[in-house]
Protein backbone atom coordinates (compact mmCIF):
# COMPACT_ATOMS: atom_id res chain seq x y z
CA MET A 1 -24.99 9.39 -146.20
CA ARG A 2 -24.76 11.67 -149.28
CA ARG A 3 -21.99 13.69 -147.50
CA TYR A 4 -20.20 10.16 -146.31
CA LEU A 5 -20.44 9.02 -149.58
CA ASN A 6 -19.18 12.11 -151.26
CA TRP A 7 -16.58 12.65 -148.67
CA ILE A 8 -15.29 9.08 -149.66
CA GLN A 9 -15.12 9.75 -153.13
CA ASN A 10 -13.31 13.22 -152.74
CA SER A 11 -11.07 11.27 -150.48
CA VAL A 12 -10.53 8.49 -152.89
CA PHE A 13 -9.95 10.93 -155.71
CA GLU A 14 -7.78 12.55 -153.94
CA GLY A 15 -5.90 9.04 -152.34
CA GLU A 16 -6.21 10.20 -148.93
CA LEU A 17 -8.60 7.15 -147.72
CA THR A 18 -7.07 4.16 -145.79
CA GLU A 19 -8.62 1.00 -145.18
CA SER A 20 -8.92 1.90 -141.53
CA GLN A 21 -10.77 4.99 -142.25
CA LEU A 22 -12.93 3.23 -144.82
CA MET A 23 -14.05 0.70 -142.35
CA GLU A 24 -14.64 3.49 -139.79
CA VAL A 25 -17.15 4.99 -142.26
CA LYS A 26 -18.74 1.91 -142.91
CA SER A 27 -19.16 0.89 -139.51
CA GLY A 28 -21.05 4.17 -138.73
């Protein structure tokens, strides 16, 4: 789970995380 959280944080900071990607990550 930490790997996903780190990836999300990095993506958010880089501004590359989209809502669709976030939904996919939350879905598993």
